[in-house]
């Protein structure tokens, strides 16, 4: 078995994507926990451009960026495939992964609005509008997950995003994912987080909130 190491941060939605993928495929790996403010020399060596997690190291070769790592894992270890075999379906899945990743800018704007006390409602509505696109255009009433009955790459990307929103809701005592506005998203996320591998490899909500609140405030203050 090839040596596999994951440099990540347990609270990061991006690290979670890789953790879920490795465990869904039953791939053993060594986990190296990274401090956002005190990165290891190995991380800086493996990711000298962005200097951030996650980084997967496969037989000494580093792969950076969470969804690139997920696709790499899916290609090297094809069991429990996450990408559709059909080229058009694969392109559509990649479109939604990109859309979800782009939504993180709306999350950052929401953080700033709460911490600075400015345009809170405007930033929340901007985030909600982007989620409504996912609700109406990405998810299907007839499918348990994005691609049908099994988790695929879109579910991995969206699951980490929605989990992070849940943490924000608890931290800042504000409701974003209202069930009456996002019924499909609620049903989908309940299905997703109840999958045993996902449940077993997702930290408890209380642990997330206790750790992330001061971290977000520190990051926002330094930005």
Protein backbone atom coordinates (compact mmCIF):
# COMPACT_ATOMS: atom_id res chain seq x y z
CA UNK A 1 0.00 0.00 0.00
CA UNK A 2 1.31 3.44 -0.96
CA UNK A 3 2.06 5.89 1.84
CA UNK A 4 -0.69 8.48 2.13
CA UNK A 5 -0.58 11.52 4.39
CA UNK A 6 -3.15 14.26 4.79
CA UNK A 7 -2.07 17.68 6.05
CA UNK A 8 -5.29 19.31 7.18
CA UNK A 9 -7.26 21.09 9.89
CA UNK A 10 -10.06 19.10 11.49
CA UNK A 11 -12.45 22.09 11.54
CA UNK A 12 -11.93 23.02 7.88
CA UNK A 13 -14.76 22.28 5.41
CA UNK A 14 -12.07 21.75 2.77
CA UNK A 15 -10.20 19.16 4.83
CA UNK A 16 -13.52 17.44 5.59
CA UNK A 17 -14.01 16.82 1.87
CA UNK A 18 -10.80 14.84 1.68
CA UNK A 19 -11.43 12.99 4.95
CA UNK A 20 -14.86 11.91 3.75
CA UNK A 21 -13.50 10.80 0.37
CA UNK A 22 -10.67 8.74 1.85
CA UNK A 23 -13.02 7.03 4.26
CA UNK A 24 -15.77 6.41 1.70
CA UNK A 25 -13.17 4.55 -0.35
CA UNK A 26 -11.67 2.75 2.65
CA UNK A 27 -8.18 4.18 2.13
CA UNK A 28 -5.91 4.23 5.21
CA UNK A 29 -3.89 7.39 5.72
CA UNK A 30 -1.84 9.33 8.27
CA UNK A 31 -3.38 12.60 9.43
CA UNK A 32 -1.13 15.59 10.18
CA UNK A 33 -3.03 18.33 11.97
CA UNK A 34 -2.03 21.83 10.88
CA UNK A 35 -2.37 25.08 12.83
CA UNK A 36 -3.75 27.90 10.66
CA UNK A 37 -1.38 30.39 12.29
CA UNK A 38 1.67 28.13 12.69
CA UNK A 39 2.00 25.88 9.67
CA UNK A 40 4.51 23.04 9.65
CA UNK A 41 7.64 23.29 7.46
CA UNK A 42 6.37 20.26 5.55
CA UNK A 43 3.14 22.03 4.60
CA UNK A 44 5.02 25.10 3.40
CA UNK A 45 7.28 22.83 1.37
CA UNK A 46 4.38 20.88 -0.16
CA UNK A 47 2.21 23.95 -0.88
CA UNK A 48 4.63 26.88 -1.32
CA UNK A 49 2.18 28.92 -3.43
CA UNK A 50 -0.95 29.08 -1.26
CA UNK A 51 0.56 27.73 1.99
CA UNK A 52 -2.75 26.25 3.10
CA UNK A 53 -4.53 22.98 3.79
CA UNK A 54 -5.52 20.44 2.75
CA UNK A 55 -2.55 18.79 1.09
CA UNK A 56 -2.56 15.09 0.25
CA UNK A 57 0.87 13.49 0.00
CA UNK A 58 0.85 10.27 -2.03
CA UNK A 59 4.18 8.46 -2.04
CA UNK A 60 5.95 11.75 -1.37
CA UNK A 61 4.09 13.66 -4.10
CA UNK A 62 1.86 16.53 -2.88
CA UNK A 63 -1.57 17.34 -4.32
CA UNK A 64 -3.22 20.62 -3.31
CA UNK A 65 -6.75 22.09 -3.35
CA UNK A 66 -9.59 20.06 -1.86
CA UNK A 67 -11.63 19.18 -4.95
CA UNK A 68 -8.54 18.51 -7.04
CA UNK A 69 -7.50 16.09 -4.30
CA UNK A 70 -10.95 14.47 -4.33
CA UNK A 71 -10.77 13.95 -8.10
CA UNK A 72 -7.22 12.59 -7.80
CA UNK A 73 -8.28 10.08 -5.16
CA UNK A 74 -11.28 9.07 -7.27
CA UNK A 75 -9.06 8.42 -10.28
CA UNK A 76 -6.34 6.50 -8.42
CA UNK A 77 -8.79 4.44 -6.33
CA UNK A 78 -11.89 3.90 -8.53
CA UNK A 79 -13.91 1.90 -5.99
CA UNK A 80 -17.09 3.73 -4.89
CA UNK A 81 -16.64 6.19 -7.76
CA UNK A 82 -17.57 9.80 -7.04
CA UNK A 83 -17.51 11.16 -10.59
CA UNK A 84 -20.13 10.06 -13.14
CA UNK A 85 -18.90 7.87 -16.00
CA UNK A 86 -20.92 9.75 -18.60
CA UNK A 87 -18.94 12.75 -19.95
CA UNK A 88 -21.93 15.13 -19.91
CA UNK A 89 -22.95 14.12 -16.37
CA UNK A 90 -19.32 14.52 -15.29
CA UNK A 91 -19.17 18.02 -16.78
CA UNK A 92 -22.42 18.96 -15.00
CA UNK A 93 -21.07 17.67 -11.70
CA UNK A 94 -17.91 19.74 -12.13
CA UNK A 95 -20.04 22.81 -12.88
CA UNK A 96 -21.88 22.46 -9.58
CA UNK A 97 -18.67 21.84 -7.64
CA UNK A 98 -17.32 25.11 -9.08
CA UNK A 99 -20.56 26.92 -8.22
CA UNK A 100 -20.42 25.66 -4.64
CA UNK A 101 -16.78 26.66 -4.24
CA UNK A 102 -17.60 30.14 -5.51
CA UNK A 103 -20.22 30.48 -2.76
CA UNK A 104 -17.50 30.61 -0.12
CA UNK A 105 -17.00 34.28 -1.05
CA UNK A 106 -20.56 34.89 0.14
CA UNK A 107 -19.77 33.13 3.43
CA UNK A 108 -16.74 35.37 3.95
CA UNK A 109 -18.84 38.47 3.26
CA UNK A 110 -21.39 37.21 5.78
CA UNK A 111 -18.64 36.78 8.40
CA UNK A 112 -17.40 40.31 7.89
CA UNK A 113 -20.90 41.77 8.06
CA UNK A 114 -21.57 40.12 11.42
CA UNK A 115 -18.19 40.87 12.98
CA UNK A 116 -18.18 44.49 11.76
CA UNK A 117 -21.92 44.97 12.25
CA UNK A 118 -22.43 46.24 8.69
CA UNK A 119 -24.93 45.18 5.99
CA UNK A 120 -25.79 41.97 7.84
CA UNK A 121 -29.18 41.45 6.16
CA UNK A 122 -27.80 42.24 2.72
CA UNK A 123 -24.98 39.69 3.03
CA UNK A 124 -27.32 37.05 4.45
CA UNK A 125 -29.76 37.53 1.56
CA UNK A 126 -26.92 37.31 -0.95
CA UNK A 127 -25.91 33.97 0.52
CA UNK A 128 -29.53 32.79 0.60
CA UNK A 129 -30.03 33.69 -3.05
CA UNK A 130 -27.03 31.58 -4.05
CA UNK A 131 -28.33 28.68 -1.98
CA UNK A 132 -31.72 29.04 -3.67
CA UNK A 133 -30.03 28.34 -7.01
CA UNK A 134 -28.74 25.07 -5.55
CA UNK A 135 -32.21 24.34 -4.16
CA UNK A 136 -33.98 24.93 -7.48
CA UNK A 137 -31.42 23.90 -10.09
CA UNK A 138 -29.01 21.39 -8.53
CA UNK A 139 -31.10 19.14 -6.28
CA UNK A 140 -33.85 16.78 -7.40
CA UNK A 141 -36.91 15.68 -5.44
CA UNK A 142 -36.56 12.16 -6.84
CA UNK A 143 -32.93 11.53 -5.85
CA UNK A 144 -31.58 10.83 -2.39
CA UNK A 145 -28.27 12.44 -3.36
CA UNK A 146 -27.15 14.63 -6.26
CA UNK A 147 -26.41 11.68 -8.52
CA UNK A 148 -29.05 9.25 -7.29
CA UNK A 149 -28.78 6.69 -4.50
CA UNK A 150 -25.07 7.03 -3.75
CA UNK A 151 -22.85 9.95 -2.75
CA UNK A 152 -20.92 11.61 -5.54
CA UNK A 153 -18.51 14.52 -5.90
CA UNK A 154 -21.21 17.22 -5.76
CA UNK A 155 -22.48 15.81 -2.46
CA UNK A 156 -18.96 15.96 -1.02
CA UNK A 157 -18.54 19.61 -2.03
CA UNK A 158 -22.02 20.70 -0.94
CA UNK A 159 -21.96 18.70 2.29
CA UNK A 160 -18.89 20.54 3.57
CA UNK A 161 -20.42 23.89 2.63
CA UNK A 162 -23.76 23.24 4.31
CA UNK A 163 -22.04 21.87 7.42
CA UNK A 164 -20.03 25.07 7.69
CA UNK A 165 -23.21 27.14 7.36
CA UNK A 166 -24.73 25.15 10.23
CA UNK A 167 -21.74 26.10 12.34
CA UNK A 168 -22.19 29.78 11.41
CA UNK A 169 -25.85 29.63 12.40
CA UNK A 170 -24.96 28.36 15.87
CA UNK A 171 -22.01 30.72 16.30
CA UNK A 172 -23.80 33.90 15.32
CA UNK A 173 -27.35 32.91 16.32
CA UNK A 174 -28.76 33.62 12.88
CA UNK A 175 -30.87 31.35 10.67
CA UNK A 176 -29.89 30.95 7.03
CA UNK A 177 -31.08 27.47 6.05
CA UNK A 178 -34.77 27.94 6.73
CA UNK A 179 -36.60 24.69 5.99
CA UNK A 180 -39.58 26.45 4.43
CA UNK A 181 -37.31 28.19 1.92
CA UNK A 182 -34.94 25.26 1.31
CA UNK A 183 -36.97 22.03 1.68
CA UNK A 184 -34.88 20.07 -0.86
CA UNK A 185 -31.62 21.22 0.70
CA UNK A 186 -32.83 20.17 4.16
CA UNK A 187 -33.93 16.74 2.96
CA UNK A 188 -30.73 16.24 1.01
CA UNK A 189 -28.49 17.24 3.95
CA UNK A 190 -30.36 14.98 6.36
CA UNK A 191 -29.77 12.08 3.96
CA UNK A 192 -26.13 13.03 3.54
CA UNK A 193 -25.16 13.47 7.19
CA UNK A 194 -26.94 10.23 8.17
CA UNK A 195 -24.64 8.12 5.98
CA UNK A 196 -22.55 6.20 8.56
CA UNK A 197 -19.15 7.08 7.03
CA UNK A 198 -20.07 10.78 6.93
CA UNK A 199 -21.47 10.75 10.47
CA UNK A 200 -18.45 8.93 11.89
CA UNK A 201 -16.00 11.33 10.27
CA UNK A 202 -17.67 14.66 11.06
CA UNK A 203 -16.80 16.38 14.36
CA UNK A 204 -19.58 17.18 16.79
CA UNK A 205 -21.36 20.50 16.26
CA UNK A 206 -20.48 21.79 19.75
CA UNK A 207 -16.78 21.14 19.13
CA UNK A 208 -16.96 22.98 15.82
CA UNK A 209 -18.65 26.05 17.32
CA UNK A 210 -16.39 26.30 20.36
CA UNK A 211 -13.26 26.20 18.23
CA UNK A 212 -14.31 28.08 15.11
CA UNK A 213 -15.90 31.21 16.66
CA UNK A 214 -12.66 32.75 18.02
CA UNK A 215 -10.74 31.47 14.99
CA UNK A 216 -13.07 33.24 12.53
CA UNK A 217 -12.90 36.45 14.55
CA UNK A 218 -9.09 36.28 14.56
CA UNK A 219 -8.92 35.63 10.82
CA UNK A 220 -11.36 38.44 10.05
CA UNK A 221 -9.49 40.85 12.32
CA UNK A 222 -6.22 40.15 10.53
CA UNK A 223 -7.67 40.39 6.99
